[in-house]
Amino acid sequence: MAEMDTSGGDGHKKGPGVKKSKKLSTRIDLTPMVDLGFLLITFFIFTTTMSQPTAFKLNLPKEADKPQDDTKIKNSGAFTILLGKDNNVFYYEGILDPAGKNFKSSNFKDIRDAIINKKRTTDEKDFFVVIKPNDECDYKNVIDILDEMAINVVKRYALVDISDGENQLILATEKAGLAK
């Protein structure tokens, strides 16, 4: 607490008949201020919420007990995107031709136009995008293609394992230097 020091000093007078006035000294005790500071710090620590991590929400369907109960899609509405190394994107519509005639190469700038064109020419309830990354694909590319699904408002898409034939076709295209 604040106190007033009223001590008279050493008691000496400077000469006969001269009275020395009392000097008042103030001393402030800061203990309550420190207590208040720690109480405020404690209050703010307990009432503050830490920043929540931001994550991409991906809803996955339940796995079917029987293989025949898997999701069926029309071949006319299927759009398959294959992800390779070095930001290479490949796609085909419907079923992959055994000779690879409908297999096309693209990049992340041009794939948006291909998705929009397929979405425009297909009935909304039949449109389905199948995303198949290969082993050499970067994680960033998978996130980028999922972002494209959100940007283009594609409601039905799936992340699926790539088949050996598709993987061989990607590797052959990249090796031949035909990828964009």
N, C-alpha and C. Protein backbone atom coordinates (compact mmCIF):
# COMPACT_ATOMS: atom_id res chain seq x y z
N MET A 1 0.83 -1.18 0.00
CA MET A 1 0.00 0.00 0.00
C MET A 1 0.87 1.24 0.00
N ALA A 2 0.31 2.35 -0.33
CA ALA A 2 1.06 3.61 -0.34
C ALA A 2 1.25 4.09 1.09
N GLU A 3 2.44 4.50 1.39
CA GLU A 3 2.74 4.97 2.74
C GLU A 3 3.39 6.33 2.66
N MET A 4 3.23 7.07 3.71
CA MET A 4 3.90 8.36 3.82
C MET A 4 4.95 8.24 4.90
N ASP A 5 6.18 8.59 4.56
CA ASP A 5 7.28 8.54 5.52
C ASP A 5 7.38 9.91 6.18
N THR A 6 7.11 9.96 7.46
CA THR A 6 7.10 11.25 8.17
C THR A 6 8.28 11.38 9.12
N SER A 7 9.34 10.65 8.86
CA SER A 7 10.49 10.75 9.75
C SER A 7 11.14 12.11 9.60
N GLY A 8 11.68 12.61 10.66
CA GLY A 8 12.24 13.96 10.68
C GLY A 8 13.67 14.04 10.22
N GLY A 9 14.25 12.99 9.80
CA GLY A 9 15.62 13.04 9.36
C GLY A 9 16.56 12.76 10.52
N ASP A 10 17.72 13.46 10.57
CA ASP A 10 18.72 13.17 11.60
C ASP A 10 18.55 14.02 12.85
N GLY A 11 17.70 15.02 12.89
CA GLY A 11 17.42 15.82 14.08
C GLY A 11 18.37 16.97 14.29
N HIS A 12 19.29 17.28 13.43
CA HIS A 12 20.23 18.39 13.57
C HIS A 12 19.59 19.68 13.12
N LYS A 13 19.92 20.71 13.81
CA LYS A 13 19.47 22.04 13.42
C LYS A 13 20.68 22.78 12.90
N LYS A 14 20.45 23.63 11.97
CA LYS A 14 21.57 24.38 11.41
C LYS A 14 21.59 25.79 12.04
N GLY A 15 22.10 25.84 13.09
CA GLY A 15 22.19 27.15 13.74
C GLY A 15 21.13 27.31 14.81
N PRO A 16 21.34 28.30 15.72
CA PRO A 16 20.41 28.49 16.80
C PRO A 16 19.10 29.11 16.31
N GLY A 17 18.04 28.57 16.72
CA GLY A 17 16.72 29.11 16.46
C GLY A 17 16.16 28.80 15.08
N VAL A 18 16.87 28.03 14.28
CA VAL A 18 16.37 27.69 12.94
C VAL A 18 15.68 26.35 13.03
N LYS A 19 14.49 26.34 12.63
CA LYS A 19 13.76 25.08 12.63
C LYS A 19 13.78 24.49 11.22
N LYS A 20 14.04 23.24 11.20
CA LYS A 20 14.06 22.56 9.91
C LYS A 20 12.68 21.96 9.68
N SER A 21 12.17 22.17 8.48
CA SER A 21 10.85 21.61 8.18
C SER A 21 10.98 20.11 7.92
N LYS A 22 9.94 19.43 8.23
CA LYS A 22 9.95 17.99 8.01
C LYS A 22 9.80 17.69 6.52
N LYS A 23 10.65 16.79 6.00
CA LYS A 23 10.53 16.38 4.60
C LYS A 23 9.65 15.14 4.54
N LEU A 24 8.65 15.19 3.71
CA LEU A 24 7.76 14.05 3.55
C LEU A 24 8.22 13.22 2.35
N SER A 25 8.37 11.96 2.55
CA SER A 25 8.82 11.07 1.48
C SER A 25 7.68 10.08 1.16
N THR A 26 7.49 9.80 -0.13
CA THR A 26 6.45 8.84 -0.52
C THR A 26 7.11 7.55 -0.96
N ARG A 27 6.50 6.46 -0.58
CA ARG A 27 6.97 5.13 -0.99
C ARG A 27 5.75 4.36 -1.44
N ILE A 28 5.78 3.87 -2.71
CA ILE A 28 4.64 3.16 -3.27
C ILE A 28 4.97 1.68 -3.33
N ASP A 29 4.10 0.89 -2.77
CA ASP A 29 4.27 -0.56 -2.79
C ASP A 29 3.60 -1.09 -4.06
N LEU A 30 4.36 -1.77 -4.94
CA LEU A 30 3.85 -2.25 -6.22
C LEU A 30 3.37 -3.70 -6.18
N THR A 31 3.32 -4.30 -5.03
CA THR A 31 2.88 -5.70 -4.93
C THR A 31 1.46 -5.89 -5.46
N PRO A 32 0.50 -5.05 -5.13
CA PRO A 32 -0.84 -5.25 -5.69
C PRO A 32 -0.88 -5.11 -7.21
N MET A 33 -0.03 -4.23 -7.77
CA MET A 33 0.01 -4.06 -9.22
C MET A 33 0.54 -5.32 -9.90
N VAL A 34 1.54 -5.94 -9.32
CA VAL A 34 2.08 -7.19 -9.86
C VAL A 34 1.03 -8.29 -9.77
N ASP A 35 0.33 -8.37 -8.66
CA ASP A 35 -0.74 -9.36 -8.52
C ASP A 35 -1.81 -9.16 -9.58
N LEU A 36 -2.20 -7.92 -9.80
CA LEU A 36 -3.21 -7.63 -10.82
C LEU A 36 -2.70 -8.02 -12.22
N GLY A 37 -1.45 -7.74 -12.49
CA GLY A 37 -0.88 -8.11 -13.79
C GLY A 37 -0.92 -9.61 -14.02
N PHE A 38 -0.53 -10.39 -13.02
CA PHE A 38 -0.55 -11.85 -13.17
C PHE A 38 -1.98 -12.38 -13.27
N LEU A 39 -2.92 -11.76 -12.57
CA LEU A 39 -4.31 -12.16 -12.70
C LEU A 39 -4.83 -11.91 -14.11
N LEU A 40 -4.47 -10.77 -14.69
CA LEU A 40 -4.90 -10.47 -16.06
C LEU A 40 -4.27 -11.43 -17.06
N ILE A 41 -2.98 -11.70 -16.90
CA ILE A 41 -2.32 -12.65 -17.80
C ILE A 41 -2.98 -14.02 -17.71
N THR A 42 -3.25 -14.47 -16.50
CA THR A 42 -3.89 -15.78 -16.31
C THR A 42 -5.28 -15.78 -16.93
N PHE A 43 -6.02 -14.71 -16.75
CA PHE A 43 -7.36 -14.62 -17.33
C PHE A 43 -7.30 -14.73 -18.85
N PHE A 44 -6.40 -13.99 -19.49
CA PHE A 44 -6.32 -14.01 -20.95
C PHE A 44 -5.82 -15.35 -21.48
N ILE A 45 -4.95 -16.00 -20.76
CA ILE A 45 -4.48 -17.32 -21.20
C ILE A 45 -5.62 -18.33 -21.17
N PHE A 46 -6.40 -18.32 -20.11
CA PHE A 46 -7.49 -19.30 -19.99
C PHE A 46 -8.67 -19.01 -20.91
N THR A 47 -8.90 -17.76 -21.25
CA THR A 47 -10.07 -17.43 -22.07
C THR A 47 -9.77 -17.33 -23.56
N THR A 48 -8.50 -17.38 -23.95
CA THR A 48 -8.15 -17.27 -25.35
C THR A 48 -8.24 -18.64 -26.02
N THR A 49 -8.80 -18.66 -27.22
CA THR A 49 -8.82 -19.91 -27.98
C THR A 49 -7.64 -19.88 -28.94
N MET A 50 -6.97 -20.99 -29.01
CA MET A 50 -5.84 -21.08 -29.91
C MET A 50 -6.35 -21.17 -31.34
N SER A 51 -5.51 -20.77 -32.28
CA SER A 51 -5.94 -20.81 -33.68
C SER A 51 -6.14 -22.26 -34.11
N GLN A 52 -7.25 -22.48 -34.77
CA GLN A 52 -7.59 -23.82 -35.22
C GLN A 52 -6.86 -24.12 -36.52
N PRO A 53 -6.34 -25.33 -36.68
CA PRO A 53 -5.68 -25.65 -37.95
C PRO A 53 -6.71 -25.71 -39.07
N THR A 54 -6.32 -25.18 -40.20
CA THR A 54 -7.22 -25.22 -41.35
C THR A 54 -6.89 -26.44 -42.18
N ALA A 55 -7.90 -27.16 -42.54
CA ALA A 55 -7.70 -28.38 -43.31
C ALA A 55 -8.76 -28.47 -44.38
N PHE A 56 -8.45 -29.20 -45.40
CA PHE A 56 -9.38 -29.41 -46.49
C PHE A 56 -10.33 -30.53 -46.09
N LYS A 57 -11.61 -30.24 -46.06
CA LYS A 57 -12.58 -31.23 -45.64
C LYS A 57 -12.93 -32.13 -46.82
N LEU A 58 -12.74 -33.40 -46.64
CA LEU A 58 -12.99 -34.37 -47.69
C LEU A 58 -13.91 -35.44 -47.13
N ASN A 59 -15.12 -35.48 -47.63
CA ASN A 59 -16.09 -36.47 -47.19
C ASN A 59 -15.93 -37.72 -48.04
N LEU A 60 -15.67 -38.83 -47.40
CA LEU A 60 -15.50 -40.09 -48.11
C LEU A 60 -16.71 -40.97 -47.87
N PRO A 61 -17.12 -41.72 -48.90
CA PRO A 61 -18.26 -42.62 -48.70
C PRO A 61 -17.84 -43.84 -47.88
N LYS A 62 -18.83 -44.50 -47.32
CA LYS A 62 -18.55 -45.72 -46.57
C LYS A 62 -18.16 -46.82 -47.55
N GLU A 63 -17.30 -47.67 -47.11
CA GLU A 63 -16.87 -48.75 -47.97
C GLU A 63 -17.96 -49.81 -48.03
N ALA A 64 -18.24 -50.29 -49.23
CA ALA A 64 -19.31 -51.26 -49.43
C ALA A 64 -18.84 -52.65 -49.02
N ASP A 65 -19.77 -53.42 -48.43
CA ASP A 65 -19.45 -54.79 -48.04
C ASP A 65 -19.34 -55.70 -49.26
N LYS A 66 -20.16 -55.42 -50.25
CA LYS A 66 -20.17 -56.23 -51.46
C LYS A 66 -19.65 -55.39 -52.63
N PRO A 67 -18.79 -55.95 -53.46
CA PRO A 67 -18.26 -55.16 -54.59
C PRO A 67 -19.34 -54.70 -55.56
N GLN A 68 -20.43 -55.43 -55.69
CA GLN A 68 -21.48 -55.02 -56.61
C GLN A 68 -22.25 -53.80 -56.10
N ASP A 69 -22.08 -53.45 -54.81
CA ASP A 69 -22.74 -52.29 -54.25
C ASP A 69 -21.94 -51.00 -54.42
N ASP A 70 -20.78 -51.07 -55.06
CA ASP A 70 -19.97 -49.88 -55.29
C ASP A 70 -20.72 -48.88 -56.17
N THR A 71 -20.28 -47.66 -56.14
CA THR A 71 -20.92 -46.61 -56.91
C THR A 71 -20.81 -46.90 -58.40
N LYS A 72 -21.92 -46.87 -59.08
CA LYS A 72 -21.96 -47.08 -60.53
C LYS A 72 -22.09 -45.73 -61.20
N ILE A 73 -21.34 -45.54 -62.27
CA ILE A 73 -21.43 -44.30 -63.03
C ILE A 73 -21.61 -44.64 -64.50
N LYS A 74 -22.22 -43.72 -65.23
CA LYS A 74 -22.40 -43.91 -66.67
C LYS A 74 -21.09 -43.59 -67.38
N ASN A 75 -20.79 -44.38 -68.39
CA ASN A 75 -19.57 -44.14 -69.15
C ASN A 75 -19.60 -42.79 -69.85
N SER A 76 -20.77 -42.34 -70.27
CA SER A 76 -20.87 -41.06 -70.98
C SER A 76 -20.60 -39.88 -70.05
N GLY A 77 -20.82 -40.05 -68.75
CA GLY A 77 -20.62 -38.96 -67.79
C GLY A 77 -19.30 -39.04 -67.05
N ALA A 78 -18.51 -40.09 -67.31
CA ALA A 78 -17.25 -40.26 -66.59
C ALA A 78 -16.16 -39.40 -67.19
N PHE A 79 -15.40 -38.77 -66.33
CA PHE A 79 -14.25 -37.96 -66.73
C PHE A 79 -13.12 -38.34 -65.80
N THR A 80 -12.09 -38.98 -66.33
CA THR A 80 -10.99 -39.49 -65.51
C THR A 80 -9.78 -38.59 -65.66
N ILE A 81 -9.23 -38.18 -64.53
CA ILE A 81 -8.02 -37.35 -64.50
C ILE A 81 -6.91 -38.17 -63.88
N LEU A 82 -5.78 -38.26 -64.60
CA LEU A 82 -4.61 -38.99 -64.13
C LEU A 82 -3.51 -37.98 -63.83
N LEU A 83 -2.88 -38.12 -62.67
CA LEU A 83 -1.83 -37.19 -62.26
C LEU A 83 -0.48 -37.88 -62.33
N GLY A 84 0.47 -37.26 -63.03
CA GLY A 84 1.82 -37.80 -63.17
C GLY A 84 2.83 -36.92 -62.48
N LYS A 85 4.10 -37.20 -62.76
CA LYS A 85 5.16 -36.40 -62.14
C LYS A 85 5.36 -35.10 -62.91
N ASP A 86 6.05 -34.16 -62.32
CA ASP A 86 6.38 -32.86 -62.92
C ASP A 86 5.13 -32.09 -63.35
N ASN A 87 4.10 -32.13 -62.54
CA ASN A 87 2.85 -31.38 -62.78
C ASN A 87 2.14 -31.77 -64.07
N ASN A 88 2.35 -32.98 -64.54
CA ASN A 88 1.67 -33.46 -65.74
C ASN A 88 0.30 -33.98 -65.37
N VAL A 89 -0.69 -33.61 -66.19
CA VAL A 89 -2.06 -34.04 -65.98
C VAL A 89 -2.53 -34.70 -67.28
N PHE A 90 -3.15 -35.86 -67.14
CA PHE A 90 -3.70 -36.57 -68.29
C PHE A 90 -5.17 -36.83 -68.00
N TYR A 91 -5.96 -36.94 -69.06
CA TYR A 91 -7.38 -37.19 -68.85
C TYR A 91 -7.96 -37.93 -70.04
N TYR A 92 -9.08 -38.55 -69.79
CA TYR A 92 -9.88 -39.15 -70.86
C TYR A 92 -11.33 -39.18 -70.42
N GLU A 93 -12.20 -39.25 -71.40
CA GLU A 93 -13.64 -39.26 -71.14
C GLU A 93 -14.17 -40.67 -71.37
N GLY A 94 -15.08 -41.09 -70.52
CA GLY A 94 -15.66 -42.43 -70.65
C GLY A 94 -14.68 -43.52 -70.28
N ILE A 95 -14.62 -44.57 -71.11
CA ILE A 95 -13.69 -45.68 -70.88
C ILE A 95 -12.44 -45.45 -71.72
N LEU A 96 -11.29 -45.77 -71.16
CA LEU A 96 -10.03 -45.60 -71.86
C LEU A 96 -9.96 -46.55 -73.05
N ASP A 97 -9.70 -45.99 -74.22
CA ASP A 97 -9.55 -46.78 -75.44
C ASP A 97 -8.30 -47.65 -75.30
N PRO A 98 -8.36 -48.94 -75.67
CA PRO A 98 -7.18 -49.80 -75.55
C PRO A 98 -5.97 -49.26 -76.32
N ALA A 99 -6.21 -48.56 -77.40
CA ALA A 99 -5.10 -47.98 -78.17
C ALA A 99 -4.69 -46.61 -77.63
N GLY A 100 -5.46 -46.07 -76.68
CA GLY A 100 -5.14 -44.78 -76.08
C GLY A 100 -5.51 -43.60 -76.94
N LYS A 101 -6.50 -43.75 -77.84
CA LYS A 101 -6.88 -42.66 -78.75
C LYS A 101 -7.57 -41.51 -78.01
N ASN A 102 -8.28 -41.80 -76.93
CA ASN A 102 -8.96 -40.72 -76.19
C ASN A 102 -8.13 -40.23 -75.00
N PHE A 103 -6.90 -40.69 -74.88
CA PHE A 103 -5.99 -40.29 -73.81
C PHE A 103 -5.34 -38.97 -74.20
N LYS A 104 -5.55 -37.92 -73.36
CA LYS A 104 -5.05 -36.59 -73.69
C LYS A 104 -4.14 -36.08 -72.58
N SER A 105 -3.18 -35.28 -72.96
CA SER A 105 -2.25 -34.68 -72.03
C SER A 105 -2.66 -33.24 -71.78
N SER A 106 -2.43 -32.76 -70.57
CA SER A 106 -2.80 -31.40 -70.22
C SER A 106 -1.88 -30.91 -69.12
N ASN A 107 -2.19 -29.73 -68.60
CA ASN A 107 -1.50 -29.20 -67.43
C ASN A 107 -2.57 -28.59 -66.52
N PHE A 108 -2.15 -28.05 -65.42
CA PHE A 108 -3.13 -27.54 -64.45
C PHE A 108 -3.82 -26.27 -64.94
N LYS A 109 -3.26 -25.58 -65.90
CA LYS A 109 -3.93 -24.39 -66.44
C LYS A 109 -5.05 -24.79 -67.39
N ASP A 110 -4.82 -25.84 -68.18
CA ASP A 110 -5.78 -26.22 -69.21
C ASP A 110 -6.81 -27.24 -68.73
N ILE A 111 -6.56 -27.90 -67.61
CA ILE A 111 -7.49 -28.94 -67.15
C ILE A 111 -8.82 -28.32 -66.73
N ARG A 112 -8.80 -27.09 -66.27
CA ARG A 112 -10.05 -26.42 -65.87
C ARG A 112 -11.00 -26.29 -67.06
N ASP A 113 -10.44 -25.92 -68.22
CA ASP A 113 -11.28 -25.81 -69.42
C ASP A 113 -11.87 -27.16 -69.82
N ALA A 114 -11.07 -28.21 -69.69
CA ALA A 114 -11.56 -29.55 -70.04
C ALA A 114 -12.68 -29.98 -69.10
N ILE A 115 -12.53 -29.67 -67.82
CA ILE A 115 -13.58 -30.01 -66.83
C ILE A 115 -14.86 -29.23 -67.13
N ILE A 116 -14.70 -27.94 -67.42
CA ILE A 116 -15.88 -27.10 -67.70
C ILE A 116 -16.59 -27.58 -68.96
N ASN A 117 -15.83 -27.92 -69.99
CA ASN A 117 -16.44 -28.40 -71.24
C ASN A 117 -17.20 -29.71 -71.02
N LYS A 118 -16.60 -30.64 -70.28
CA LYS A 118 -17.26 -31.92 -70.02
C LYS A 118 -18.50 -31.70 -69.15
N LYS A 119 -18.40 -30.82 -68.18
CA LYS A 119 -19.53 -30.54 -67.30
C LYS A 119 -20.68 -29.90 -68.08
N ARG A 120 -20.34 -29.03 -69.02
CA ARG A 120 -21.34 -28.33 -69.82
C ARG A 120 -22.08 -29.30 -70.75
N THR A 121 -21.37 -30.31 -71.27
CA THR A 121 -21.97 -31.23 -72.25
C THR A 121 -22.59 -32.46 -71.62
N THR A 122 -22.51 -32.59 -70.31
CA THR A 122 -23.03 -33.76 -69.62
C THR A 122 -24.12 -33.35 -68.65
N ASP A 123 -25.10 -34.22 -68.48
CA ASP A 123 -26.16 -33.99 -67.50
C ASP A 123 -25.53 -33.98 -66.11
N GLU A 124 -25.99 -33.08 -65.26
CA GLU A 124 -25.37 -32.91 -63.93
C GLU A 124 -25.42 -34.18 -63.08
N LYS A 125 -26.51 -34.93 -63.17
CA LYS A 125 -26.61 -36.13 -62.34
C LYS A 125 -25.74 -37.28 -62.87
N ASP A 126 -25.30 -37.20 -64.12
CA ASP A 126 -24.44 -38.23 -64.70
C ASP A 126 -22.96 -37.88 -64.64
N PHE A 127 -22.64 -36.60 -64.41
CA PHE A 127 -21.24 -36.15 -64.43
C PHE A 127 -20.51 -36.64 -63.18
N PHE A 128 -19.38 -37.32 -63.40
CA PHE A 128 -18.60 -37.88 -62.30
C PHE A 128 -17.13 -37.81 -62.69
N VAL A 129 -16.29 -37.26 -61.82
CA VAL A 129 -14.86 -37.15 -62.08
C VAL A 129 -14.13 -38.19 -61.22
N VAL A 130 -13.27 -38.95 -61.89
CA VAL A 130 -12.44 -39.94 -61.21
C VAL A 130 -11.01 -39.43 -61.23
N ILE A 131 -10.41 -39.26 -60.07
CA ILE A 131 -9.05 -38.74 -59.95
C ILE A 131 -8.14 -39.89 -59.57
N LYS A 132 -7.08 -40.09 -60.38
CA LYS A 132 -6.16 -41.20 -60.16
C LYS A 132 -4.71 -40.70 -60.17
N PRO A 133 -4.13 -40.47 -59.00
CA PRO A 133 -2.71 -40.08 -58.97
C PRO A 133 -1.82 -41.32 -59.04
N ASN A 134 -0.69 -41.20 -59.75
CA ASN A 134 0.24 -42.33 -59.76
C ASN A 134 1.27 -42.15 -58.65
N ASP A 135 2.21 -43.09 -58.56
CA ASP A 135 3.17 -43.08 -57.45
C ASP A 135 4.15 -41.92 -57.51
N GLU A 136 4.37 -41.35 -58.68
CA GLU A 136 5.34 -40.27 -58.82
C GLU A 136 4.71 -38.89 -58.72
N CYS A 137 3.42 -38.85 -58.48
CA CYS A 137 2.69 -37.58 -58.36
C CYS A 137 3.00 -36.92 -57.02
N ASP A 138 3.06 -35.59 -57.02
CA ASP A 138 3.28 -34.83 -55.79
C ASP A 138 1.98 -34.69 -55.03
N TYR A 139 2.09 -34.58 -53.72
CA TYR A 139 0.92 -34.35 -52.87
C TYR A 139 0.27 -33.01 -53.23
N LYS A 140 1.08 -32.03 -53.57
CA LYS A 140 0.58 -30.71 -53.96
C LYS A 140 -0.35 -30.81 -55.16
N ASN A 141 -0.02 -31.69 -56.12
CA ASN A 141 -0.86 -31.84 -57.31
C ASN A 141 -2.22 -32.42 -56.97
N VAL A 142 -2.27 -33.34 -56.01
CA VAL A 142 -3.54 -33.91 -55.59
C VAL A 142 -4.40 -32.82 -54.96
N ILE A 143 -3.81 -32.00 -54.11
CA ILE A 143 -4.55 -30.90 -53.49
C ILE A 143 -5.00 -29.89 -54.55
N ASP A 144 -4.15 -29.62 -55.53
CA ASP A 144 -4.53 -28.68 -56.60
C ASP A 144 -5.72 -29.19 -57.39
N ILE A 145 -5.75 -30.49 -57.69
CA ILE A 145 -6.88 -31.01 -58.47
C ILE A 145 -8.15 -31.05 -57.62
N LEU A 146 -8.01 -31.28 -56.31
CA LEU A 146 -9.17 -31.21 -55.43
C LEU A 146 -9.69 -29.77 -55.33
N ASP A 147 -8.77 -28.81 -55.37
CA ASP A 147 -9.18 -27.40 -55.42
C ASP A 147 -9.93 -27.09 -56.71
N GLU A 148 -9.49 -27.69 -57.81
CA GLU A 148 -10.20 -27.50 -59.08
C GLU A 148 -11.62 -28.04 -58.99
N MET A 149 -11.80 -29.13 -58.27
CA MET A 149 -13.16 -29.67 -58.09
C MET A 149 -14.03 -28.67 -57.33
N ALA A 150 -13.45 -28.03 -56.33
CA ALA A 150 -14.21 -27.04 -55.56
C ALA A 150 -14.46 -25.78 -56.38
N ILE A 151 -13.48 -25.35 -57.15
CA ILE A 151 -13.63 -24.13 -57.97
C ILE A 151 -14.70 -24.33 -59.03
N ASN A 152 -14.71 -25.51 -59.66
CA ASN A 152 -15.65 -25.78 -60.75
C ASN A 152 -16.97 -26.36 -60.26
N VAL A 153 -17.16 -26.40 -58.96
CA VAL A 153 -18.39 -26.89 -58.32
C VAL A 153 -18.74 -28.29 -58.85
N VAL A 154 -17.75 -29.17 -58.84
CA VAL A 154 -17.99 -30.56 -59.19
C VAL A 154 -18.43 -31.26 -57.92
N LYS A 155 -19.66 -31.74 -57.91
CA LYS A 155 -20.22 -32.30 -56.69
C LYS A 155 -19.89 -33.78 -56.52
N ARG A 156 -19.63 -34.47 -57.61
CA ARG A 156 -19.38 -35.91 -57.53
C ARG A 156 -18.00 -36.21 -58.11
N TYR A 157 -17.10 -36.61 -57.25
CA TYR A 157 -15.77 -37.02 -57.67
C TYR A 157 -15.23 -38.04 -56.69
N ALA A 158 -14.23 -38.80 -57.16
CA ALA A 158 -13.66 -39.84 -56.31
C ALA A 158 -12.16 -39.90 -56.54
N LEU A 159 -11.44 -40.22 -55.50
CA LEU A 159 -10.00 -40.43 -55.54
C LEU A 159 -9.79 -41.94 -55.54
N VAL A 160 -9.24 -42.47 -56.65
CA VAL A 160 -9.18 -43.91 -56.86
C VAL A 160 -7.75 -44.31 -57.17
N ASP A 161 -7.40 -45.54 -56.87
CA ASP A 161 -6.08 -46.08 -57.23
C ASP A 161 -5.98 -46.21 -58.74
N ILE A 162 -4.79 -45.96 -59.25
CA ILE A 162 -4.57 -46.02 -60.68
C ILE A 162 -4.32 -47.47 -61.09
N SER A 163 -4.78 -47.84 -62.29
CA SER A 163 -4.57 -49.21 -62.78
C SER A 163 -3.18 -49.30 -63.43
N ASP A 164 -2.70 -50.52 -63.60
CA ASP A 164 -1.38 -50.72 -64.19
C ASP A 164 -1.33 -50.21 -65.63
N GLY A 165 -2.39 -50.44 -66.39
CA GLY A 165 -2.42 -50.00 -67.79
C GLY A 165 -2.36 -48.48 -67.90
N GLU A 166 -3.09 -47.79 -67.05
CA GLU A 166 -3.08 -46.33 -67.06
C GLU A 166 -1.72 -45.80 -66.63
N ASN A 167 -1.12 -46.44 -65.65
CA ASN A 167 0.19 -46.02 -65.18
C ASN A 167 1.25 -46.22 -66.27
N GLN A 168 1.18 -47.33 -66.99
CA GLN A 168 2.12 -47.58 -68.09
C GLN A 168 1.93 -46.55 -69.20
N LEU A 169 0.71 -46.17 -69.47
CA LEU A 169 0.42 -45.16 -70.49
C LEU A 169 0.98 -43.80 -70.08
N ILE A 170 0.87 -43.45 -68.81
CA ILE A 170 1.44 -42.20 -68.31
C ILE A 170 2.96 -42.23 -68.45
N LEU A 171 3.57 -43.30 -68.00
CA LEU A 171 5.04 -43.40 -68.06
C LEU A 171 5.54 -43.35 -69.50
N ALA A 172 4.84 -44.00 -70.41
CA ALA A 172 5.25 -43.99 -71.82
C ALA A 172 5.10 -42.59 -72.41
N THR A 173 4.05 -41.90 -72.06
CA THR A 173 3.84 -40.54 -72.57
C THR A 173 4.89 -39.57 -72.02
N GLU A 174 5.21 -39.70 -70.74
CA GLU A 174 6.23 -38.83 -70.14
C GLU A 174 7.60 -39.15 -70.70
N LYS A 175 7.88 -40.43 -70.93
CA LYS A 175 9.18 -40.83 -71.45
C LYS A 175 9.35 -40.34 -72.89
N ALA A 176 8.26 -40.36 -73.67
CA ALA A 176 8.33 -39.90 -75.06
C ALA A 176 8.37 -38.38 -75.14
N GLY A 177 8.12 -37.69 -74.04
CA GLY A 177 8.15 -36.24 -74.03
C GLY A 177 6.90 -35.61 -74.63
N LEU A 178 5.81 -36.36 -74.64
CA LEU A 178 4.57 -35.85 -75.22
C LEU A 178 3.70 -35.12 -74.20
N ALA A 179 4.11 -35.15 -72.93
CA ALA A 179 3.34 -34.46 -71.90
C ALA A 179 3.52 -32.96 -72.04
N LYS A 180 2.44 -32.20 -71.77
CA LYS A 180 2.50 -30.74 -71.90
C LYS A 180 3.35 -30.13 -70.84
